[in-house]
Amino acid sequence: MRRSRFGRRKARPVEPERPRRLPWYAALPIAAVSGLLLDLAFPSTGWWPLAFVSIAGALWTLVGRSAGGAFLTGLAYGATFYFTHLIWVVQFLGALPWVALAGLEALLFAAGAIPIALAYRWTSRSRSRTVRALLIPALVAGLWTTRELAMGSWPYSGFPWARIGMSQANGPFAEAASWVGVSGLTFLIVCLCAALVQWARAASLRSPTGLITAAVIAALLSVPAFPTTDAGSLRVGWVQGDGPAGYFDDRGPGDVLAAQSEATEPLSGKRMDLLVWPEGGVDSDPLANQATARWLDALVASVGAPLLMNAATARGQDVFNTSMLWEGGGATQLHDKVNPVPFGEYVPDRWFYEKIVPDLINLIQREYTPGTNPPFMTVGGIGVGLAICFDVIYDTVIWDGAKAGAQFYAFQTNNADFRGTDENLQQLEFARMRAIETGRAVVNVSTVGTSQVIAPDGSVIEGAAADRQAAAVTTVPLRTGLTPAVLVGPVLAILIPVAALGGLLAAGILRRRARRSDPAQPIRSSARKAQADPEPLQEES
């Protein structure tokens, strides 16, 4: 406050933010380095704080950018991140699929940077502390999360692999996912980073407003996990067979089944309520192959417990990636993978891609059909939620299992095509986040590893390193009750994009109206900036 000439106190005007932008020689390297830092936040390095540094760097490079400038800086960030983060794709089919997937993700990420840059441009003249300290970070976080949701659903069911929230299993804010889900966690993390960027952009760093906003968001991120209800325990046997389960592994018929059976032998005579094998643990269709069915009948009899196994099955003209609960006499319950992997488990628009890379496309002979039966089974009255391999990254598969009554989860996966890469560790990170999000234990079993039994708080109860046979019987805690994340997750997946895009549209309309109502505003703004800063860096046109 200051006194006017007549003695009355007059409020000090709120200065607008500095609309400065980083020069290109700084923006592009910062964006590229920020992309690399985000990869380091995920396993195998897993330095979770780097996600915050990465996001802040990415946002800073977008301040004052035009649409074209935002696309270029976003592309620098997206390219360094995705080409590094998805390097394990090379292991499967070579460099071309890696370039195609990482390149597409980088382009989509860059396109999603444009609305964020527009949000900064269209709100840069606001003199409201509330808008600058709270609404701008919320708008930016909403647009970032909207980009994640869009990339996770399109094209071809999307690829929600590299979500900010999924990088935080080892961090202090992971438990917030039980309240708002993975997308909500992404929103809060980006909002915190955007609030700090806003504070740094303020005309006076002494103003506490931005820091107060950041502190409030940090407090929301620090809430303890929602408490689900203890419902006893279940003794679950699990087996990592380390067989030749890769797509191009040298193997004969039944070799994978033989490896799984051999690895199961140490469990004979141990008491268990359920035995879990990984995805592809049976390499023939037991619904059609009587010899395989008899083998499984004998195995179930020897361990004295039903077997949750997985195999490719044919029903009519369709082929499915199917998990089966095998009891004496056959499969009593089935679940088919909801989201077969495009260009891995089927080829979308095969006629088109065969014209471009016929040799590569013809290597992929299998054409799995998406499943429609729920990701849920019951074992002795105990509900088991399911996710087959990459289905762990799709929210609805996890939520549907919890809503159906799952008291723990069994995730079956086959990482044999990605031996020696970070892929299986990244997927394990997602499994741990799912445990925290739903408040339920997870039995994550892989053909070749890494396999783990994960507690409802995300900690590891028991596990086995990759590339070796392993088997154990683990007492798995059971939980009932739905976390808020499961209940509000579907609502947030709609609400965040609608609010973010609506907020961006409103900001654009208000900016346009302000310019129309005051034609001299650009002249006066330029004069004020020239007085305050003789050599300002202007926004890009």
Protein backbone atom coordinates (compact mmCIF):
# COMPACT_ATOMS: atom_id res chain seq x y z
CA MET A 1 0.00 0.00 0.00
CA ARG A 2 1.13 3.62 -0.58
CA ARG A 3 -0.40 7.06 0.19
CA SER A 4 -1.90 9.29 -2.51
CA ARG A 5 -1.36 13.07 -2.62
CA PHE A 6 -4.54 13.54 -0.54
CA GLY A 7 -3.47 11.13 2.19
CA ARG A 8 -5.65 8.16 1.28
CA ARG A 9 -4.10 4.78 0.98
CA LYS A 10 -3.96 3.50 -2.58
CA ALA A 11 -3.46 -0.17 -3.47
CA ARG A 12 -0.22 -0.89 -5.25
CA PRO A 13 -1.01 -2.07 -8.77
CA VAL A 14 -0.23 -5.67 -9.55
CA GLU A 15 2.44 -5.78 -12.21
CA PRO A 16 1.93 -8.19 -15.09
CA GLU A 17 4.29 -11.09 -15.54
CA ARG A 18 7.41 -10.63 -17.56
CA PRO A 19 6.46 -12.03 -20.98
CA ARG A 20 10.05 -13.00 -21.66
CA ARG A 21 10.87 -16.14 -23.55
CA LEU A 22 14.05 -18.11 -23.64
CA PRO A 23 16.14 -17.55 -26.77
CA TRP A 24 16.36 -20.49 -29.14
CA TYR A 25 19.97 -21.25 -28.26
CA ALA A 26 18.82 -21.89 -24.68
CA ALA A 27 15.26 -23.20 -25.17
CA LEU A 28 16.06 -26.16 -27.41
CA PRO A 29 18.94 -27.55 -25.29
CA ILE A 30 16.91 -27.08 -22.10
CA ALA A 31 13.95 -28.88 -23.66
CA ALA A 32 16.16 -31.73 -24.85
CA VAL A 33 17.89 -32.13 -21.49
CA SER A 34 14.53 -31.98 -19.71
CA GLY A 35 13.34 -34.90 -21.86
CA LEU A 36 16.38 -36.94 -20.85
CA LEU A 37 15.76 -36.12 -17.18
CA LEU A 38 12.22 -37.51 -17.41
CA ASP A 39 13.58 -40.81 -18.70
CA LEU A 40 15.92 -40.96 -15.70
CA ALA A 41 12.92 -40.54 -13.40
CA PHE A 42 11.68 -43.96 -14.58
CA PRO A 43 13.42 -47.32 -13.99
CA SER A 44 16.02 -48.57 -14.27
CA THR A 45 17.50 -45.33 -12.90
CA GLY A 46 14.32 -44.34 -11.10
CA TRP A 47 15.37 -40.94 -9.72
CA TRP A 48 11.82 -39.71 -9.17
CA PRO A 49 12.71 -36.05 -8.27
CA LEU A 50 14.03 -35.55 -11.80
CA ALA A 51 10.43 -35.67 -13.07
CA PHE A 52 9.80 -32.35 -11.31
CA VAL A 53 12.94 -30.76 -12.72
CA SER A 54 12.02 -32.07 -16.17
CA ILE A 55 8.48 -30.67 -16.10
CA ALA A 56 9.63 -27.26 -14.87
CA GLY A 57 12.22 -27.11 -17.64
CA ALA A 58 9.66 -28.09 -20.27
CA LEU A 59 7.18 -25.45 -19.11
CA TRP A 60 9.80 -22.71 -18.99
CA THR A 61 10.69 -23.30 -22.63
CA LEU A 62 7.04 -22.83 -23.65
CA VAL A 63 6.58 -19.39 -22.07
CA GLY A 64 6.14 -16.75 -24.76
CA ARG A 65 6.26 -19.20 -27.65
CA SER A 66 4.15 -19.09 -30.77
CA ALA A 67 2.36 -22.25 -31.89
CA GLY A 68 5.25 -23.14 -34.20
CA GLY A 69 7.83 -22.40 -31.53
CA ALA A 70 5.96 -24.52 -29.00
CA PHE A 71 5.85 -27.41 -31.46
CA LEU A 72 9.63 -27.26 -31.99
CA THR A 73 10.52 -27.08 -28.30
CA GLY A 74 7.96 -29.78 -27.53
CA LEU A 75 9.48 -31.91 -30.26
CA ALA A 76 12.97 -31.47 -28.81
CA TYR A 77 11.65 -32.62 -25.42
CA GLY A 78 9.51 -35.46 -26.78
CA ALA A 79 12.17 -36.82 -29.12
CA THR A 80 14.92 -37.05 -26.49
CA PHE A 81 12.52 -38.60 -24.01
CA TYR A 82 10.72 -41.15 -26.17
CA PHE A 83 13.70 -42.26 -28.23
CA THR A 84 15.56 -42.90 -24.97
CA HIS A 85 12.68 -44.25 -22.91
CA LEU A 86 11.46 -46.70 -25.56
CA ILE A 87 14.85 -47.98 -26.72
CA TRP A 88 13.77 -51.45 -25.57
CA VAL A 89 11.45 -51.65 -28.61
CA VAL A 90 14.55 -52.28 -30.74
CA GLN A 91 14.95 -55.63 -29.01
CA PHE A 92 11.70 -56.93 -30.49
CA LEU A 93 11.57 -56.06 -34.18
CA GLY A 94 14.54 -53.79 -34.74
CA ALA A 95 15.11 -50.09 -35.34
CA LEU A 96 12.16 -49.34 -37.63
CA PRO A 97 9.39 -50.06 -35.08
CA TRP A 98 11.36 -48.09 -32.47
CA VAL A 99 11.65 -45.08 -34.77
CA ALA A 100 7.99 -45.35 -35.75
CA LEU A 101 6.66 -45.58 -32.18
CA ALA A 102 9.03 -43.08 -30.56
CA GLY A 103 8.67 -40.71 -33.51
CA LEU A 104 4.88 -40.81 -33.39
CA GLU A 105 4.85 -40.25 -29.63
CA ALA A 106 7.28 -37.34 -29.98
CA LEU A 107 5.10 -35.70 -32.64
CA LEU A 108 1.95 -36.11 -30.56
CA PHE A 109 3.76 -34.73 -27.52
CA ALA A 110 4.93 -31.73 -29.57
CA ALA A 111 1.40 -31.07 -30.82
CA GLY A 112 0.21 -31.13 -27.21
CA ALA A 113 2.74 -28.43 -26.31
CA ILE A 114 0.90 -25.88 -28.46
CA PRO A 115 -2.17 -25.48 -26.17
CA ILE A 116 0.14 -25.07 -23.16
CA ALA A 117 2.07 -22.28 -24.91
CA LEU A 118 -1.20 -20.63 -25.89
CA ALA A 119 -2.35 -20.78 -22.26
CA TYR A 120 0.75 -18.85 -21.22
CA ARG A 121 0.35 -16.30 -24.02
CA TRP A 122 -3.35 -15.72 -23.51
CA THR A 123 -3.01 -15.19 -19.74
CA SER A 124 0.26 -13.23 -19.70
CA ARG A 125 -1.45 -9.82 -19.30
CA SER A 126 -3.63 -10.79 -16.37
CA ARG A 127 -3.19 -8.48 -13.36
CA SER A 128 -5.03 -10.84 -11.00
CA ARG A 129 -2.79 -12.58 -8.49
CA THR A 130 -5.35 -15.40 -8.23
CA VAL A 131 -5.25 -16.03 -11.97
CA ARG A 132 -1.48 -15.95 -12.09
CA ALA A 133 -0.78 -17.97 -8.96
CA LEU A 134 -3.55 -20.56 -9.09
CA LEU A 135 -5.59 -20.64 -12.28
CA ILE A 136 -2.66 -20.55 -14.71
CA PRO A 137 -0.89 -23.54 -13.05
CA ALA A 138 -4.19 -25.42 -12.95
CA LEU A 139 -4.84 -24.67 -16.62
CA VAL A 140 -1.34 -25.72 -17.65
CA ALA A 141 -1.56 -28.91 -15.56
CA GLY A 142 -4.95 -29.71 -17.06
CA LEU A 143 -3.63 -29.32 -20.59
CA TRP A 144 -0.58 -31.49 -19.84
CA THR A 145 -2.82 -34.19 -18.35
CA THR A 146 -5.20 -33.92 -21.30
CA ARG A 147 -2.27 -34.62 -23.61
CA GLU A 148 -1.43 -37.73 -21.56
CA LEU A 149 -5.01 -38.97 -21.72
CA ALA A 150 -5.23 -38.34 -25.47
CA MET A 151 -1.95 -40.13 -26.20
CA GLY A 152 -3.11 -42.99 -23.98
CA SER A 153 -6.20 -43.62 -26.06
CA TRP A 154 -5.25 -42.78 -29.68
CA PRO A 155 -4.29 -44.12 -32.17
CA TYR A 156 -5.07 -47.84 -32.01
CA SER A 157 -6.09 -47.74 -28.30
CA GLY A 158 -3.15 -45.47 -27.51
CA PHE A 159 0.04 -46.07 -25.55
CA PRO A 160 -0.25 -44.74 -21.97
CA TRP A 161 3.22 -45.98 -21.06
CA ALA A 162 5.12 -42.83 -20.07
CA ARG A 163 2.74 -41.04 -17.71
CA ILE A 164 4.18 -38.67 -15.13
CA GLY A 165 2.19 -40.28 -12.32
CA MET A 166 3.67 -43.68 -13.11
CA SER A 167 7.20 -42.42 -12.38
CA GLN A 168 6.53 -41.82 -8.69
CA ALA A 169 6.26 -45.28 -7.09
CA ASN A 170 9.43 -44.64 -5.06
CA GLY A 171 8.57 -41.02 -4.25
CA PRO A 172 6.80 -39.47 -1.26
CA PHE A 173 3.73 -38.45 -3.28
CA ALA A 174 2.76 -41.85 -4.66
CA GLU A 175 0.03 -42.43 -2.07
CA ALA A 176 -1.97 -39.52 -3.48
CA ALA A 177 -2.75 -41.84 -6.40
CA SER A 178 -5.18 -43.74 -4.14
CA TRP A 179 -7.29 -40.57 -4.00
CA VAL A 180 -7.06 -39.17 -7.53
CA GLY A 181 -5.62 -41.98 -9.67
CA VAL A 182 -2.58 -41.84 -11.92
CA SER A 183 -3.97 -39.04 -14.10
CA GLY A 184 -4.89 -37.03 -11.03
CA LEU A 185 -1.36 -37.53 -9.69
CA THR A 186 0.04 -36.26 -12.99
CA PHE A 187 -2.21 -33.21 -12.71
CA LEU A 188 -1.06 -32.36 -9.17
CA ILE A 189 2.64 -32.85 -9.97
CA VAL A 190 2.49 -30.65 -13.07
CA CYS A 191 0.41 -28.09 -11.18
CA LEU A 192 3.09 -27.91 -8.48
CA CYS A 193 5.82 -27.42 -11.08
CA ALA A 194 3.74 -24.82 -12.95
CA ALA A 195 3.12 -22.91 -9.71
CA LEU A 196 6.86 -22.69 -9.09
CA VAL A 197 7.42 -21.54 -12.66
CA GLN A 198 4.76 -18.88 -12.13
CA TRP A 199 6.48 -17.68 -8.98
CA ALA A 200 9.81 -17.48 -10.83
CA ARG A 201 8.14 -15.50 -13.64
CA ALA A 202 6.55 -13.00 -11.25
CA ALA A 203 7.64 -9.40 -11.42
CA SER A 204 8.81 -9.70 -7.81
CA LEU A 205 10.25 -12.94 -6.45
CA ARG A 206 9.56 -11.59 -2.97
CA SER A 207 5.84 -12.17 -3.46
CA PRO A 208 4.78 -15.22 -1.43
CA THR A 209 1.61 -15.88 -3.44
CA GLY A 210 3.13 -18.37 -5.85
CA LEU A 211 4.99 -20.18 -3.10
CA ILE A 212 1.82 -20.46 -1.03
CA THR A 213 0.05 -22.04 -4.00
CA ALA A 214 2.93 -24.50 -4.45
CA ALA A 215 2.88 -25.32 -0.74
CA VAL A 216 -0.85 -26.07 -0.84
CA ILE A 217 -0.42 -28.40 -3.81
CA ALA A 218 2.54 -30.12 -2.11
CA ALA A 219 0.32 -30.66 0.93
CA LEU A 220 -2.34 -32.27 -1.27
CA LEU A 221 0.31 -34.52 -2.79
CA SER A 222 1.46 -35.60 0.67
CA VAL A 223 -1.83 -37.07 1.88
CA PRO A 224 -1.55 -40.64 3.19
CA ALA A 225 -3.05 -43.47 1.17
CA PHE A 226 -6.77 -44.13 1.41
CA PRO A 227 -7.23 -47.02 3.86
CA THR A 228 -8.79 -50.13 2.34
CA THR A 229 -10.11 -52.82 4.68
CA ASP A 230 -8.15 -55.89 5.73
CA ALA A 231 -9.92 -59.05 4.50
CA GLY A 232 -7.46 -61.75 5.54
CA SER A 233 -4.89 -63.41 3.30
CA LEU A 234 -4.44 -66.01 0.59
CA ARG A 235 -1.51 -68.36 0.01
CA VAL A 236 -0.51 -67.86 -3.62
CA GLY A 237 2.11 -69.90 -5.44
CA TRP A 238 3.83 -68.24 -8.39
CA VAL A 239 6.30 -69.54 -10.94
CA GLN A 240 8.82 -67.84 -13.22
CA GLY A 241 9.78 -70.59 -15.66
CA ASP A 242 12.47 -68.74 -17.65
CA GLY A 243 11.57 -70.75 -20.74
CA PRO A 244 12.04 -69.86 -24.43
CA ALA A 245 8.94 -67.67 -24.46
CA GLY A 246 10.13 -64.96 -26.85
CA TYR A 247 8.52 -64.48 -30.23
CA PHE A 248 11.73 -65.39 -32.05
CA ASP A 249 13.23 -67.78 -29.47
CA ASP A 250 14.44 -71.14 -30.76
CA ARG A 251 11.92 -73.60 -29.35
CA GLY A 252 9.81 -76.61 -30.12
CA PRO A 253 6.16 -77.36 -29.31
CA GLY A 254 5.64 -77.61 -25.56
CA ASP A 255 9.03 -76.22 -24.54
CA VAL A 256 7.55 -73.29 -22.60
CA LEU A 257 5.04 -75.56 -20.84
CA ALA A 258 7.86 -77.93 -19.94
CA ALA A 259 9.96 -75.09 -18.49
CA GLN A 260 7.04 -73.83 -16.40
CA SER A 261 6.27 -77.33 -15.14
CA GLU A 262 9.91 -77.96 -14.24
CA ALA A 263 10.09 -74.67 -12.32
CA THR A 264 6.86 -75.60 -10.47
CA GLU A 265 8.22 -78.89 -9.09
CA PRO A 266 9.75 -77.35 -5.93
CA LEU A 267 6.26 -76.25 -4.88
CA SER A 268 4.92 -79.82 -4.83
CA GLY A 269 3.65 -80.63 -1.35
CA LYS A 270 3.46 -76.99 -0.23
CA ARG A 271 0.06 -75.72 0.85
CA MET A 272 -1.41 -73.06 -1.41
CA ASP A 273 -4.82 -71.73 -2.39
CA LEU A 274 -3.89 -70.69 -5.94
CA LEU A 275 -1.00 -71.22 -8.35
CA VAL A 276 -0.22 -68.41 -10.84
CA TRP A 277 1.71 -68.82 -14.08
CA PRO A 278 2.70 -65.94 -16.38
CA GLU A 279 1.37 -64.85 -19.74
CA GLY A 280 2.24 -67.41 -22.42
CA GLY A 281 3.19 -70.00 -19.82
CA VAL A 282 1.34 -72.61 -21.88
CA ASP A 283 2.36 -72.61 -25.54
CA SER A 284 -0.60 -74.57 -26.94
CA ASP A 285 -4.35 -74.16 -26.69
CA PRO A 286 -5.56 -76.40 -23.84
CA LEU A 287 -9.15 -75.85 -24.94
CA ALA A 288 -8.37 -77.65 -28.19
CA ASN A 289 -5.32 -79.80 -27.36
CA GLN A 290 -6.29 -82.77 -25.23
CA ALA A 291 -2.69 -83.68 -24.41
CA THR A 292 -2.09 -80.20 -22.96
CA ALA A 293 -5.35 -80.39 -21.01
CA ARG A 294 -4.34 -83.73 -19.45
CA TRP A 295 -0.92 -82.29 -18.56
CA LEU A 296 -2.58 -79.38 -16.75
CA ASP A 297 -5.03 -81.69 -14.98
CA ALA A 298 -2.10 -83.70 -13.62
CA LEU A 299 -0.25 -80.58 -12.52
CA VAL A 300 -3.29 -79.19 -10.69
CA ALA A 301 -3.71 -82.51 -8.92
CA SER A 302 -0.04 -82.56 -7.87
CA VAL A 303 -0.08 -79.08 -6.28
CA GLY A 304 -3.56 -79.39 -4.85
CA ALA A 305 -4.70 -75.94 -6.02
CA PRO A 306 -6.30 -74.38 -9.09
CA LEU A 307 -3.94 -72.92 -11.68
CA LEU A 308 -4.29 -69.43 -13.15
CA MET A 309 -2.53 -69.79 -16.52
CA ASN A 310 -2.44 -68.11 -19.91
CA ALA A 311 -2.37 -69.29 -23.52
CA ALA A 312 -3.50 -68.31 -26.99
CA THR A 313 -6.97 -69.76 -27.60
CA ALA A 314 -9.20 -70.03 -30.65
CA ARG A 315 -12.97 -69.73 -30.54
CA GLY A 316 -14.59 -69.81 -33.93
CA GLN A 317 -12.66 -67.53 -36.26
CA ASP A 318 -11.21 -65.44 -33.43
CA VAL A 319 -7.95 -65.89 -31.55
CA PHE A 320 -7.56 -64.50 -28.03
CA ASN A 321 -4.81 -63.96 -25.48
CA THR A 322 -6.59 -65.80 -22.67
CA SER A 323 -6.10 -66.24 -18.95
CA MET A 324 -7.83 -69.35 -17.59
CA LEU A 325 -8.55 -70.70 -14.14
CA TRP A 326 -7.75 -74.37 -14.61
CA GLU A 327 -9.23 -76.80 -12.15
CA GLY A 328 -9.60 -80.55 -12.33
CA GLY A 329 -11.34 -81.25 -15.62
CA GLY A 330 -10.65 -78.01 -17.49
CA ALA A 331 -10.95 -74.24 -17.54
CA THR A 332 -13.75 -72.97 -15.34
CA GLN A 333 -13.26 -69.21 -15.89
CA LEU A 334 -11.79 -67.19 -18.74
CA HIS A 335 -10.54 -63.65 -19.32
CA ASP A 336 -9.31 -62.40 -22.70
CA LYS A 337 -6.82 -59.56 -23.00
CA VAL A 338 -8.72 -56.31 -23.50
CA ASN A 339 -6.08 -54.34 -25.42
CA PRO A 340 -3.94 -56.52 -27.72
CA VAL A 341 -0.72 -54.69 -28.61
CA PRO A 342 -0.85 -53.17 -32.11
CA PHE A 343 2.03 -54.34 -34.33
CA GLY A 344 2.86 -56.93 -31.67
CA GLU A 345 -0.26 -59.02 -31.16
CA TYR A 346 -2.15 -57.82 -34.22
CA VAL A 347 -1.60 -55.49 -37.16
CA PRO A 348 -4.20 -52.73 -37.56
CA ASP A 349 -4.91 -51.79 -41.15
CA ARG A 350 -2.63 -54.61 -42.28
CA TRP A 351 -3.44 -54.01 -45.94
CA PHE A 352 -1.96 -50.51 -45.67
CA TYR A 353 1.22 -51.32 -43.74
CA GLU A 354 1.98 -54.35 -45.89
CA LYS A 355 2.37 -51.95 -48.81
CA ILE A 356 4.96 -49.95 -46.86
CA VAL A 357 7.03 -52.61 -45.01
CA PRO A 358 5.74 -56.01 -46.17
CA ASP A 359 8.71 -58.02 -44.87
CA LEU A 360 8.33 -56.60 -41.38
CA ILE A 361 4.56 -56.86 -41.21
CA ASN A 362 4.54 -60.44 -42.47
CA LEU A 363 6.66 -61.45 -39.47
CA ILE A 364 3.62 -60.78 -37.27
CA GLN A 365 1.34 -63.71 -37.98
CA ARG A 366 -0.88 -63.60 -34.92
CA GLU A 367 -4.04 -61.52 -34.96
CA TYR A 368 -5.50 -61.40 -31.46
CA THR A 369 -9.07 -60.20 -30.96
CA PRO A 370 -9.85 -57.77 -28.08
CA GLY A 371 -11.57 -59.45 -25.18
CA THR A 372 -14.93 -58.43 -23.81
CA ASN A 373 -15.22 -60.60 -20.68
CA PRO A 374 -14.39 -58.84 -17.38
CA PRO A 375 -10.84 -58.85 -15.92
CA PHE A 376 -12.00 -60.75 -12.86
CA MET A 377 -12.22 -64.27 -11.47
CA THR A 378 -13.12 -65.86 -8.14
CA VAL A 379 -11.07 -68.47 -6.29
CA GLY A 380 -12.81 -70.02 -3.30
CA GLY A 381 -14.98 -66.93 -2.96
CA ILE A 382 -11.97 -64.57 -3.20
CA GLY A 383 -12.08 -61.99 -6.00
CA VAL A 384 -9.00 -61.76 -8.23
CA GLY A 385 -8.46 -58.78 -10.53
CA LEU A 386 -6.55 -59.48 -13.73
CA ALA A 387 -4.37 -57.65 -16.23
CA ILE A 388 -2.47 -59.41 -19.01
CA CYS A 389 0.91 -57.80 -19.76
CA PHE A 390 0.47 -54.29 -21.21
CA ASP A 391 -3.14 -54.15 -20.02
CA VAL A 392 -1.63 -52.97 -16.72
CA ILE A 393 -1.19 -49.50 -18.25
CA TYR A 394 -4.89 -49.08 -19.11
CA ASP A 395 -6.87 -47.53 -16.26
CA THR A 396 -10.25 -49.06 -17.10
CA VAL A 397 -8.92 -52.62 -16.93
CA ILE A 398 -7.67 -52.01 -13.39
CA TRP A 399 -10.76 -50.12 -12.25
CA ASP A 400 -13.11 -52.76 -13.69
CA GLY A 401 -11.37 -55.47 -11.68
CA ALA A 402 -11.69 -53.52 -8.44
CA LYS A 403 -15.33 -52.69 -9.06
CA ALA A 404 -16.08 -56.34 -9.78
CA GLY A 405 -14.84 -57.23 -6.29
CA ALA A 406 -11.12 -57.96 -6.63
CA GLN A 407 -9.38 -58.43 -3.27
CA PHE A 408 -5.96 -58.66 -4.91
CA TYR A 409 -4.57 -58.58 -8.44
CA ALA A 410 -2.73 -61.14 -10.55
CA PHE A 411 -0.77 -59.55 -13.40
CA GLN A 412 0.53 -62.08 -15.93
CA THR A 413 3.20 -60.92 -18.35
CA ASN A 414 5.78 -62.17 -20.82
CA ASN A 415 8.91 -59.99 -21.05
CA ALA A 416 10.95 -62.52 -23.04
CA ASP A 417 11.07 -60.31 -26.14
CA PHE A 418 12.72 -57.57 -24.07
CA ARG A 419 15.39 -59.49 -22.16
CA GLY A 420 18.17 -57.29 -20.88
CA THR A 421 16.24 -54.01 -21.25
CA ASP A 422 14.44 -51.66 -18.86
CA GLU A 423 11.02 -52.69 -20.17
CA ASN A 424 10.25 -55.19 -17.41
CA LEU A 425 11.38 -52.77 -14.67
CA GLN A 426 9.23 -50.00 -16.10
CA GLN A 427 6.27 -52.36 -16.18
CA LEU A 428 6.94 -53.37 -12.58
CA GLU A 429 6.84 -49.69 -11.62
CA PHE A 430 3.36 -49.52 -13.12
CA ALA A 431 2.31 -52.61 -11.17
CA ARG A 432 3.49 -50.99 -7.94
CA MET A 433 1.55 -47.83 -8.73
CA ARG A 434 -1.57 -49.93 -9.39
CA ALA A 435 -1.19 -51.51 -5.94
CA ILE A 436 -1.06 -48.05 -4.34
CA GLU A 437 -3.87 -46.69 -6.50
CA THR A 438 -6.30 -49.49 -5.63
CA GLY A 439 -5.06 -50.34 -2.13
CA ARG A 440 -4.60 -53.98 -3.12
CA ALA A 441 -1.73 -56.45 -3.32
CA VAL A 442 -0.42 -57.46 -6.73
CA VAL A 443 1.11 -60.77 -7.79
CA ASN A 444 3.10 -59.82 -10.89
CA VAL A 445 4.45 -62.94 -12.62
CA SER A 446 6.65 -62.93 -15.72
CA THR A 447 7.93 -65.77 -17.89
CA VAL A 448 11.53 -64.57 -17.60
CA GLY A 449 11.29 -61.88 -14.87
CA THR A 450 11.33 -59.72 -13.02
CA SER A 451 8.47 -61.22 -10.92
CA GLN A 452 7.29 -59.68 -7.65
CA VAL A 453 4.57 -59.90 -5.04
CA ILE A 454 3.68 -56.32 -4.14
CA ALA A 455 1.92 -55.16 -0.97
CA PRO A 456 -1.03 -52.72 -1.07
CA ASP A 457 1.34 -49.87 -0.14
CA GLY A 458 3.60 -50.60 -3.13
CA SER A 459 6.40 -52.29 -1.17
CA VAL A 460 7.82 -55.61 -2.37
CA ILE A 461 6.92 -58.65 -0.29
CA GLU A 462 8.86 -61.22 -2.33
CA GLY A 463 10.34 -61.44 -5.80
CA ALA A 464 12.73 -63.06 -8.24
CA ALA A 465 15.39 -61.48 -10.44
CA ALA A 466 15.18 -61.79 -14.21
CA ASP A 467 16.60 -64.62 -16.32
CA ARG A 468 16.34 -67.48 -13.86
CA GLN A 469 13.79 -70.05 -12.76
CA ALA A 470 12.00 -69.19 -9.56
CA ALA A 471 9.00 -70.41 -7.59
CA ALA A 472 7.56 -69.54 -4.20
CA VAL A 473 4.41 -69.60 -2.12
CA THR A 474 3.64 -66.16 -0.67
CA THR A 475 1.00 -65.10 1.81
CA VAL A 476 -0.81 -62.31 -0.03
CA PRO A 477 -2.85 -59.76 1.98
CA LEU A 478 -6.43 -59.26 0.84
CA ARG A 479 -8.32 -55.96 0.87
CA THR A 480 -11.89 -54.80 0.33
CA GLY A 481 -13.34 -51.34 -0.23
CA LEU A 482 -12.88 -49.07 -3.21
CA THR A 483 -10.39 -46.21 -3.13
CA PRO A 484 -11.56 -42.78 -4.32
CA ALA A 485 -9.24 -43.22 -7.30
CA VAL A 486 -11.33 -46.13 -8.56
CA LEU A 487 -14.57 -44.27 -7.98
CA VAL A 488 -13.64 -40.83 -9.35
CA GLY A 489 -11.01 -41.89 -11.89
CA PRO A 490 -13.47 -42.19 -14.80
CA VAL A 491 -14.96 -38.80 -13.90
CA LEU A 492 -11.55 -37.11 -13.76
CA ALA A 493 -10.64 -38.62 -17.15
CA ILE A 494 -13.53 -36.59 -18.60
CA LEU A 495 -13.55 -33.59 -16.27
CA ILE A 496 -9.87 -32.65 -16.63
CA PRO A 497 -9.88 -32.41 -20.46
CA VAL A 498 -13.24 -30.61 -20.53
CA ALA A 499 -12.15 -28.09 -17.88
CA ALA A 500 -8.71 -27.58 -19.43
CA LEU A 501 -9.93 -27.07 -22.99
CA GLY A 502 -12.81 -24.95 -21.77
CA GLY A 503 -10.43 -22.82 -19.72
CA LEU A 504 -8.13 -22.36 -22.70
CA LEU A 505 -11.05 -21.32 -24.89
CA ALA A 506 -12.23 -18.86 -22.24
CA ALA A 507 -8.73 -17.37 -21.94
CA GLY A 508 -8.57 -16.89 -25.69
CA ILE A 509 -11.98 -15.20 -25.82
CA LEU A 510 -11.15 -12.87 -22.93
CA ARG A 511 -7.84 -11.89 -24.50
CA ARG A 512 -9.55 -11.15 -27.82
CA ARG A 513 -12.25 -9.06 -26.15
CA ALA A 514 -9.65 -7.10 -24.20
CA ARG A 515 -7.80 -6.24 -27.39
CA ARG A 516 -10.98 -5.17 -29.18
CA SER A 517 -12.17 -2.98 -26.30
CA ASP A 518 -8.83 -1.19 -25.92
CA PRO A 519 -7.05 -0.67 -29.27
CA ALA A 520 -4.33 1.42 -27.61
CA GLN A 521 -3.41 -1.35 -25.18
CA PRO A 522 -0.51 -2.73 -27.27
CA ILE A 523 1.02 0.74 -27.58
CA ARG A 524 0.77 1.46 -23.88
CA SER A 525 2.09 -2.00 -23.01
CA SER A 526 5.10 -1.47 -25.26
CA ALA A 527 5.80 1.92 -23.69
CA ARG A 528 5.62 0.50 -20.17
CA LYS A 529 7.91 -2.39 -21.07
CA ALA A 530 10.39 -0.02 -22.71
CA GLN A 531 10.54 2.05 -19.51
CA ALA A 532 10.88 -1.00 -17.27
CA ASP A 533 13.29 -2.89 -19.47
CA PRO A 534 15.16 -1.07 -22.25
CA GLU A 535 15.90 -4.32 -24.09
CA PRO A 536 13.03 -6.74 -23.44
CA LEU A 537 12.68 -10.09 -25.16
CA GLN A 538 9.35 -10.02 -26.96
CA GLU A 539 6.95 -12.90 -27.37
CA GLU A 540 7.14 -14.66 -30.70
CA SER A 541 4.55 -13.57 -33.20
